[in-house]
């Protein structure tokens, strides 16, 4: 490599990564999805999905991901896929988010989400969620798209 291009390479290497768009995530099949998590009881339940709720990051992990998070690393061509982002939470402030996910998003998918933040006591804290999602077919007639019910 020519030395005259070295400053340009250094500049490009330090350039912030572009935000990952909703279209960059796998499209989830429309219908009823059932969620289970061995380490986060708040995840267990059902979600009715239509073609406007296909982005699992926004519905399953961080509800305003596009507005509150900036991606700094994304590996999307390998299995499992991984995304890392810096997010801002109104409850905890700065959050470092790491999500590893895999599946066909037609019949099932799973992910592990790790949120690292400063706890109330000023010490580093983490919230880890391991989630399995399984497609169940059409949504019940009394369940509108975007509706989530909590399991037991």
N, C-alpha and C. Protein backbone atom coordinates (compact mmCIF):
# COMPACT_ATOMS: atom_id res chain seq x y z
N UNK A 1 0.85 -1.17 0.00
CA UNK A 1 0.00 0.00 0.00
C UNK A 1 0.89 1.23 0.00
N UNK A 2 0.50 2.18 -0.77
CA UNK A 2 1.24 3.43 -0.86
C UNK A 2 1.07 4.23 0.43
N UNK A 3 2.13 4.88 0.86
CA UNK A 3 2.08 5.67 2.09
C UNK A 3 1.14 6.87 1.96
N UNK A 4 0.90 7.36 0.73
CA UNK A 4 0.02 8.52 0.58
C UNK A 4 -1.43 8.17 0.90
N UNK A 5 -1.82 6.89 0.86
CA UNK A 5 -3.18 6.48 1.19
C UNK A 5 -3.36 6.12 2.66
N UNK A 6 -2.28 6.03 3.41
CA UNK A 6 -2.34 5.65 4.81
C UNK A 6 -3.23 6.57 5.65
N UNK A 7 -3.15 7.91 5.51
CA UNK A 7 -4.05 8.77 6.29
C UNK A 7 -5.52 8.51 5.98
N UNK A 8 -5.85 8.24 4.71
CA UNK A 8 -7.23 7.95 4.33
C UNK A 8 -7.71 6.64 4.97
N UNK A 9 -6.87 5.62 4.95
CA UNK A 9 -7.22 4.34 5.57
C UNK A 9 -7.43 4.53 7.07
N UNK A 10 -6.57 5.30 7.72
CA UNK A 10 -6.72 5.55 9.15
C UNK A 10 -8.01 6.30 9.44
N UNK A 11 -8.35 7.26 8.59
CA UNK A 11 -9.59 8.01 8.78
C UNK A 11 -10.80 7.10 8.62
N UNK A 12 -10.81 6.28 7.59
CA UNK A 12 -11.94 5.37 7.37
C UNK A 12 -12.07 4.34 8.49
N UNK A 13 -10.95 3.88 9.00
CA UNK A 13 -10.99 2.91 10.09
C UNK A 13 -11.57 3.50 11.36
N UNK A 14 -11.37 4.81 11.56
CA UNK A 14 -11.88 5.44 12.77
C UNK A 14 -13.30 5.98 12.60
N UNK A 15 -13.84 5.95 11.39
CA UNK A 15 -15.17 6.47 11.10
C UNK A 15 -16.21 5.64 11.83
N UNK A 16 -17.20 6.26 12.47
CA UNK A 16 -18.21 5.48 13.17
C UNK A 16 -18.99 4.59 12.21
N UNK A 17 -19.35 3.41 12.68
CA UNK A 17 -20.15 2.50 11.87
C UNK A 17 -21.53 3.09 11.67
N UNK A 18 -22.10 2.86 10.53
CA UNK A 18 -23.45 3.34 10.26
C UNK A 18 -24.45 2.53 11.07
N UNK A 19 -25.53 3.16 11.42
CA UNK A 19 -26.58 2.47 12.16
C UNK A 19 -27.14 1.35 11.31
N UNK A 20 -27.50 0.26 11.96
CA UNK A 20 -28.10 -0.85 11.26
C UNK A 20 -29.57 -0.52 11.06
N UNK A 21 -30.03 -0.60 9.83
CA UNK A 21 -31.42 -0.29 9.52
C UNK A 21 -32.31 -1.49 9.82
N UNK A 22 -33.59 -1.23 10.00
CA UNK A 22 -34.55 -2.30 10.27
C UNK A 22 -34.51 -3.37 9.18
N UNK A 23 -34.23 -2.97 7.95
CA UNK A 23 -34.18 -3.92 6.84
C UNK A 23 -32.97 -4.85 6.93
N UNK A 24 -31.99 -4.52 7.77
CA UNK A 24 -30.80 -5.35 7.90
C UNK A 24 -31.05 -6.59 8.76
N UNK A 25 -32.15 -6.62 9.49
CA UNK A 25 -32.47 -7.76 10.34
C UNK A 25 -33.35 -8.74 9.58
N UNK A 26 -33.28 -10.03 9.93
CA UNK A 26 -34.14 -11.00 9.25
C UNK A 26 -35.61 -10.65 9.45
N UNK A 27 -36.42 -10.93 8.43
CA UNK A 27 -37.86 -10.69 8.50
C UNK A 27 -38.52 -11.90 9.17
N UNK A 28 -39.30 -11.60 10.21
CA UNK A 28 -39.99 -12.66 10.94
C UNK A 28 -41.35 -12.92 10.28
N UNK A 29 -41.75 -14.16 10.24
CA UNK A 29 -43.03 -14.57 9.66
C UNK A 29 -44.20 -13.97 10.44
N UNK A 30 -45.23 -13.54 9.74
CA UNK A 30 -46.44 -13.01 10.38
C UNK A 30 -47.23 -14.14 11.02
N UNK A 31 -47.79 -13.87 12.21
CA UNK A 31 -48.59 -14.86 12.93
C UNK A 31 -48.27 -14.82 14.41
N UNK A 32 -48.60 -15.88 15.11
CA UNK A 32 -48.42 -15.97 16.55
C UNK A 32 -47.08 -16.62 16.89
N UNK A 33 -46.30 -15.91 17.69
CA UNK A 33 -45.01 -16.41 18.15
C UNK A 33 -45.09 -16.61 19.67
N UNK A 34 -44.54 -17.73 20.13
CA UNK A 34 -44.50 -18.03 21.56
C UNK A 34 -43.05 -17.93 22.01
N UNK A 35 -42.84 -17.23 23.13
CA UNK A 35 -41.50 -16.98 23.66
C UNK A 35 -41.30 -17.68 24.99
N UNK A 36 -40.09 -18.19 25.18
CA UNK A 36 -39.72 -18.78 26.46
C UNK A 36 -38.28 -18.36 26.76
N UNK A 37 -38.00 -18.17 28.04
CA UNK A 37 -36.66 -17.77 28.46
C UNK A 37 -36.36 -18.40 29.82
N UNK A 38 -35.25 -19.13 29.91
CA UNK A 38 -34.90 -19.73 31.20
C UNK A 38 -34.37 -18.72 32.22
N UNK A 39 -33.94 -17.53 31.76
CA UNK A 39 -33.31 -16.58 32.67
C UNK A 39 -34.02 -15.23 32.77
N UNK A 40 -35.17 -15.06 32.08
CA UNK A 40 -35.90 -13.80 32.17
C UNK A 40 -37.40 -14.08 32.07
N UNK A 41 -38.06 -14.19 33.21
CA UNK A 41 -39.47 -14.57 33.24
C UNK A 41 -40.37 -13.53 32.57
N UNK A 42 -39.90 -12.30 32.42
CA UNK A 42 -40.70 -11.26 31.78
C UNK A 42 -40.82 -11.44 30.27
N UNK A 43 -40.02 -12.32 29.70
CA UNK A 43 -40.03 -12.56 28.26
C UNK A 43 -41.09 -13.60 27.88
N UNK A 44 -41.37 -14.51 28.78
CA UNK A 44 -42.27 -15.63 28.48
C UNK A 44 -43.66 -15.12 28.10
N UNK A 45 -44.18 -15.60 26.96
CA UNK A 45 -45.51 -15.20 26.52
C UNK A 45 -45.67 -15.32 25.03
N UNK A 46 -46.65 -14.58 24.48
CA UNK A 46 -46.99 -14.64 23.06
C UNK A 46 -46.94 -13.24 22.46
N UNK A 47 -46.69 -13.21 21.15
CA UNK A 47 -46.71 -11.96 20.40
C UNK A 47 -47.37 -12.22 19.07
N UNK A 48 -48.35 -11.39 18.72
CA UNK A 48 -48.99 -11.46 17.41
C UNK A 48 -48.24 -10.51 16.48
N UNK A 49 -47.74 -11.04 15.38
CA UNK A 49 -46.90 -10.30 14.45
C UNK A 49 -47.59 -10.18 13.10
N UNK A 50 -47.57 -8.97 12.52
CA UNK A 50 -48.01 -8.83 11.13
C UNK A 50 -46.84 -8.27 10.33
N UNK A 51 -47.07 -7.88 9.10
CA UNK A 51 -45.95 -7.43 8.27
C UNK A 51 -45.37 -6.08 8.69
N UNK A 52 -45.94 -5.42 9.69
CA UNK A 52 -45.34 -4.18 10.21
C UNK A 52 -44.54 -4.43 11.48
N UNK A 53 -44.53 -5.64 12.00
CA UNK A 53 -43.81 -5.98 13.23
C UNK A 53 -42.79 -7.09 12.98
N UNK A 54 -42.12 -7.06 11.85
CA UNK A 54 -41.22 -8.16 11.50
C UNK A 54 -39.84 -8.04 12.12
N UNK A 55 -39.46 -6.86 12.60
CA UNK A 55 -38.12 -6.64 13.16
C UNK A 55 -38.10 -7.10 14.62
N UNK A 56 -37.48 -8.24 14.88
CA UNK A 56 -37.46 -8.80 16.23
C UNK A 56 -36.66 -7.94 17.22
N UNK A 57 -35.68 -7.19 16.75
CA UNK A 57 -34.91 -6.33 17.66
C UNK A 57 -35.84 -5.33 18.33
N UNK A 58 -36.70 -4.67 17.53
CA UNK A 58 -37.61 -3.64 18.05
C UNK A 58 -38.68 -4.22 18.98
N UNK A 59 -39.18 -5.41 18.74
CA UNK A 59 -40.26 -5.97 19.57
C UNK A 59 -39.77 -6.86 20.69
N UNK A 60 -38.62 -7.50 20.52
CA UNK A 60 -38.16 -8.49 21.50
C UNK A 60 -37.06 -7.97 22.42
N UNK A 61 -36.29 -6.98 21.97
CA UNK A 61 -35.09 -6.61 22.72
C UNK A 61 -35.08 -5.15 23.17
N UNK A 62 -35.23 -4.22 22.23
CA UNK A 62 -35.12 -2.79 22.56
C UNK A 62 -36.14 -2.03 21.74
N UNK A 63 -37.20 -1.56 22.38
CA UNK A 63 -38.31 -0.99 21.64
C UNK A 63 -38.00 0.30 20.93
N UNK A 64 -37.08 1.01 21.03
CA UNK A 64 -36.80 2.15 20.15
C UNK A 64 -35.37 2.05 19.65
N UNK A 65 -35.00 0.86 19.21
CA UNK A 65 -33.62 0.59 18.82
C UNK A 65 -33.11 1.62 17.80
N UNK A 66 -33.88 1.87 16.75
CA UNK A 66 -33.43 2.77 15.68
C UNK A 66 -33.18 4.19 16.20
N UNK A 67 -33.94 4.63 17.21
CA UNK A 67 -33.78 5.99 17.73
C UNK A 67 -32.82 6.08 18.91
N UNK A 68 -32.69 5.02 19.70
CA UNK A 68 -31.93 5.09 20.95
C UNK A 68 -30.59 4.37 20.92
N UNK A 69 -30.29 3.68 19.83
CA UNK A 69 -29.07 2.89 19.78
C UNK A 69 -28.23 3.24 18.55
N UNK A 70 -26.91 3.14 18.72
CA UNK A 70 -25.98 3.33 17.62
C UNK A 70 -25.13 2.07 17.55
N UNK A 71 -25.18 1.41 16.42
CA UNK A 71 -24.44 0.17 16.22
C UNK A 71 -22.96 0.46 16.05
N UNK A 72 -22.13 -0.32 16.76
CA UNK A 72 -20.69 -0.14 16.55
C UNK A 72 -20.03 -1.40 16.03
N UNK A 73 -20.78 -2.49 15.92
CA UNK A 73 -20.25 -3.71 15.32
C UNK A 73 -21.42 -4.58 14.91
N UNK A 74 -21.37 -5.10 13.71
CA UNK A 74 -22.42 -5.98 13.23
C UNK A 74 -21.81 -7.03 12.32
N UNK A 75 -22.06 -8.29 12.64
CA UNK A 75 -21.59 -9.39 11.81
C UNK A 75 -22.84 -10.10 11.33
N UNK A 76 -23.21 -9.89 10.06
CA UNK A 76 -24.49 -10.38 9.59
C UNK A 76 -24.44 -11.51 8.59
N UNK A 77 -23.28 -11.88 8.09
CA UNK A 77 -23.22 -12.92 7.07
C UNK A 77 -22.89 -14.29 7.64
N UNK A 78 -22.55 -14.35 8.89
CA UNK A 78 -22.18 -15.62 9.51
C UNK A 78 -23.32 -16.11 10.38
N UNK A 79 -23.29 -17.36 10.77
CA UNK A 79 -24.27 -17.91 11.71
C UNK A 79 -23.52 -18.35 12.94
N UNK A 80 -23.92 -18.02 14.12
CA UNK A 80 -24.97 -17.07 14.44
C UNK A 80 -24.52 -15.65 14.12
N UNK A 81 -25.49 -14.77 13.99
CA UNK A 81 -25.21 -13.36 13.71
C UNK A 81 -25.08 -12.60 15.02
N UNK A 82 -24.38 -11.47 14.95
CA UNK A 82 -24.18 -10.69 16.18
C UNK A 82 -24.24 -9.20 15.86
N UNK A 83 -24.80 -8.47 16.80
CA UNK A 83 -24.82 -7.02 16.70
C UNK A 83 -24.44 -6.45 18.06
N UNK A 84 -23.65 -5.38 18.03
CA UNK A 84 -23.28 -4.67 19.26
C UNK A 84 -23.62 -3.21 19.06
N UNK A 85 -24.17 -2.60 20.10
CA UNK A 85 -24.61 -1.21 20.00
C UNK A 85 -24.46 -0.50 21.33
N UNK A 86 -24.37 0.81 21.26
CA UNK A 86 -24.46 1.67 22.44
C UNK A 86 -25.86 2.26 22.41
N UNK A 87 -26.58 2.12 23.52
CA UNK A 87 -27.95 2.60 23.60
C UNK A 87 -28.09 3.54 24.79
N UNK A 88 -29.20 4.27 24.80
CA UNK A 88 -29.49 5.13 25.94
C UNK A 88 -30.85 4.74 26.50
N UNK A 89 -30.86 4.41 27.80
CA UNK A 89 -32.09 4.04 28.50
C UNK A 89 -32.47 5.15 29.46
N UNK A 90 -33.75 5.47 29.51
CA UNK A 90 -34.20 6.49 30.47
C UNK A 90 -34.04 5.99 31.90
N UNK A 91 -33.97 4.67 32.11
CA UNK A 91 -33.83 4.12 33.46
C UNK A 91 -32.38 4.00 33.92
N UNK A 92 -31.50 3.57 33.02
CA UNK A 92 -30.12 3.29 33.43
C UNK A 92 -29.07 4.17 32.76
N UNK A 93 -29.46 4.99 31.81
CA UNK A 93 -28.49 5.81 31.09
C UNK A 93 -27.83 5.02 29.98
N UNK A 94 -26.51 5.08 29.91
CA UNK A 94 -25.78 4.41 28.85
C UNK A 94 -25.82 2.89 29.03
N UNK A 95 -26.08 2.20 27.92
CA UNK A 95 -26.14 0.74 27.92
C UNK A 95 -25.33 0.23 26.74
N UNK A 96 -24.50 -0.77 27.00
CA UNK A 96 -23.80 -1.46 25.92
C UNK A 96 -24.60 -2.73 25.68
N UNK A 97 -25.12 -2.88 24.46
CA UNK A 97 -25.99 -3.99 24.11
C UNK A 97 -25.28 -4.93 23.15
N UNK A 98 -25.35 -6.22 23.44
CA UNK A 98 -24.80 -7.24 22.56
C UNK A 98 -25.89 -8.30 22.34
N UNK A 99 -26.17 -8.58 21.07
CA UNK A 99 -27.21 -9.56 20.74
C UNK A 99 -26.64 -10.56 19.74
N UNK A 100 -26.71 -11.83 20.09
CA UNK A 100 -26.34 -12.91 19.19
C UNK A 100 -27.63 -13.65 18.84
N UNK A 101 -27.89 -13.86 17.54
CA UNK A 101 -29.16 -14.46 17.14
C UNK A 101 -28.98 -15.42 15.97
N UNK A 102 -29.94 -16.36 15.88
CA UNK A 102 -29.90 -17.37 14.83
C UNK A 102 -31.29 -17.95 14.65
N UNK A 103 -31.52 -18.59 13.54
CA UNK A 103 -32.79 -19.24 13.26
C UNK A 103 -33.25 -18.91 11.87
N UNK A 104 -34.36 -19.54 11.45
CA UNK A 104 -34.86 -19.28 10.11
C UNK A 104 -35.92 -18.17 10.08
N UNK A 105 -36.43 -17.75 11.25
CA UNK A 105 -37.41 -16.69 11.40
C UNK A 105 -38.71 -17.00 10.67
N UNK A 106 -38.87 -18.25 10.24
CA UNK A 106 -40.12 -18.75 9.66
C UNK A 106 -40.80 -19.70 10.66
N UNK A 107 -40.00 -20.55 11.28
CA UNK A 107 -40.54 -21.50 12.25
C UNK A 107 -39.99 -21.28 13.65
N UNK A 108 -38.77 -20.76 13.74
CA UNK A 108 -38.18 -20.50 15.07
C UNK A 108 -36.95 -19.62 14.94
N UNK A 109 -36.58 -19.02 16.05
CA UNK A 109 -35.32 -18.30 16.17
C UNK A 109 -34.99 -18.22 17.65
N UNK A 110 -33.74 -17.94 17.92
CA UNK A 110 -33.32 -17.73 19.31
C UNK A 110 -32.28 -16.62 19.35
N UNK A 111 -32.17 -16.03 20.53
CA UNK A 111 -31.16 -14.99 20.70
C UNK A 111 -30.73 -14.93 22.16
N UNK A 112 -29.54 -14.37 22.34
CA UNK A 112 -29.01 -14.04 23.66
C UNK A 112 -28.72 -12.56 23.63
N UNK A 113 -29.33 -11.84 24.55
CA UNK A 113 -29.17 -10.40 24.65
C UNK A 113 -28.46 -10.08 25.97
N UNK A 114 -27.39 -9.29 25.89
CA UNK A 114 -26.65 -8.89 27.08
C UNK A 114 -26.63 -7.37 27.11
N UNK A 115 -27.23 -6.80 28.15
CA UNK A 115 -27.23 -5.35 28.36
C UNK A 115 -26.32 -5.05 29.54
N UNK A 116 -25.27 -4.28 29.31
CA UNK A 116 -24.33 -3.91 30.36
C UNK A 116 -24.51 -2.43 30.67
N UNK A 117 -24.60 -2.10 31.96
CA UNK A 117 -24.86 -0.72 32.37
C UNK A 117 -24.37 -0.51 33.79
N UNK A 118 -24.37 0.73 34.22
CA UNK A 118 -23.99 1.06 35.59
C UNK A 118 -25.23 0.95 36.47
N UNK A 119 -25.17 0.13 37.49
CA UNK A 119 -26.30 -0.07 38.39
C UNK A 119 -26.51 1.11 39.32
N UNK A 120 -27.59 1.04 40.10
CA UNK A 120 -27.95 2.12 41.03
C UNK A 120 -26.84 2.38 42.06
N UNK A 121 -26.09 1.34 42.40
CA UNK A 121 -25.02 1.48 43.37
C UNK A 121 -23.71 1.96 42.75
N UNK A 122 -23.74 2.26 41.45
CA UNK A 122 -22.55 2.74 40.77
C UNK A 122 -21.66 1.64 40.24
N UNK A 123 -22.00 0.38 40.48
CA UNK A 123 -21.21 -0.76 40.03
C UNK A 123 -21.74 -1.26 38.69
N UNK A 124 -20.86 -1.88 37.92
CA UNK A 124 -21.25 -2.46 36.63
C UNK A 124 -22.28 -3.56 36.86
N UNK A 125 -23.29 -3.60 36.02
CA UNK A 125 -24.35 -4.59 36.13
C UNK A 125 -24.70 -5.09 34.73
N UNK A 126 -25.36 -6.25 34.67
CA UNK A 126 -25.75 -6.85 33.39
C UNK A 126 -27.14 -7.46 33.50
N UNK A 127 -27.86 -7.43 32.39
CA UNK A 127 -29.11 -8.15 32.25
C UNK A 127 -28.93 -9.06 31.05
N UNK A 128 -29.06 -10.37 31.29
CA UNK A 128 -28.88 -11.36 30.22
C UNK A 128 -30.20 -12.06 29.99
N UNK A 129 -30.60 -12.14 28.73
CA UNK A 129 -31.82 -12.85 28.36
C UNK A 129 -31.51 -13.83 27.25
N UNK A 130 -31.81 -15.10 27.49
CA UNK A 130 -31.71 -16.14 26.49
C UNK A 130 -33.13 -16.48 26.09
N UNK A 131 -33.47 -16.33 24.81
CA UNK A 131 -34.86 -16.43 24.39
C UNK A 131 -35.00 -17.40 23.22
N UNK A 132 -36.02 -18.23 23.31
CA UNK A 132 -36.43 -19.12 22.22
C UNK A 132 -37.79 -18.67 21.75
N UNK A 133 -37.96 -18.47 20.44
CA UNK A 133 -39.24 -18.07 19.86
C UNK A 133 -39.66 -19.14 18.85
N UNK A 134 -40.92 -19.58 18.95
CA UNK A 134 -41.44 -20.64 18.07
C UNK A 134 -42.74 -20.17 17.45
N UNK A 135 -42.85 -20.32 16.14
CA UNK A 135 -44.05 -19.92 15.40
C UNK A 135 -45.18 -20.91 15.69
N UNK A 136 -46.39 -20.37 15.92
CA UNK A 136 -47.53 -21.21 16.28
C UNK A 136 -48.66 -21.19 15.24
N UNK A 137 -48.57 -20.38 14.21
CA UNK A 137 -49.64 -20.29 13.21
C UNK A 137 -50.32 -18.94 13.27
N UNK A 138 -51.59 -18.91 12.88
CA UNK A 138 -52.34 -17.65 12.85
C UNK A 138 -52.59 -17.14 14.26
N UNK A 139 -52.68 -15.81 14.37
CA UNK A 139 -53.02 -15.19 15.65
C UNK A 139 -54.48 -15.48 15.97
N UNK A 140 -54.81 -15.65 17.25
CA UNK A 140 -56.22 -15.79 17.62
C UNK A 140 -57.01 -14.55 17.22
N UNK A 141 -58.29 -14.71 16.95
CA UNK A 141 -59.13 -13.60 16.50
C UNK A 141 -59.18 -12.44 17.47
N UNK A 142 -58.98 -12.69 18.76
CA UNK A 142 -59.05 -11.63 19.76
C UNK A 142 -57.70 -10.96 20.03
N UNK A 143 -56.69 -11.28 19.23
CA UNK A 143 -55.34 -10.75 19.43
C UNK A 143 -54.91 -9.95 18.21
N UNK A 144 -54.78 -8.64 18.37
CA UNK A 144 -54.39 -7.77 17.26
C UNK A 144 -52.88 -7.78 17.07
N UNK A 145 -52.41 -7.51 15.85
CA UNK A 145 -50.96 -7.43 15.60
C UNK A 145 -50.30 -6.42 16.53
N UNK A 146 -49.15 -6.81 17.05
CA UNK A 146 -48.41 -5.97 17.99
C UNK A 146 -48.76 -6.26 19.44
N UNK A 147 -49.82 -7.06 19.67
CA UNK A 147 -50.25 -7.38 21.04
C UNK A 147 -49.35 -8.47 21.61
N UNK A 148 -48.93 -8.25 22.86
CA UNK A 148 -48.11 -9.23 23.58
C UNK A 148 -48.87 -9.65 24.83
N UNK A 149 -48.91 -10.96 25.07
CA UNK A 149 -49.50 -11.47 26.32
C UNK A 149 -48.39 -12.14 27.11
N UNK A 150 -48.40 -11.94 28.41
CA UNK A 150 -47.38 -12.53 29.27
C UNK A 150 -47.78 -13.94 29.65
N UNK A 151 -46.79 -14.83 29.68
CA UNK A 151 -47.02 -16.22 30.07
C UNK A 151 -46.88 -16.40 31.55
N UNK A 152 -47.05 -17.60 31.97
CA UNK A 152 -46.92 -17.93 33.39
C UNK A 152 -45.70 -18.75 33.66
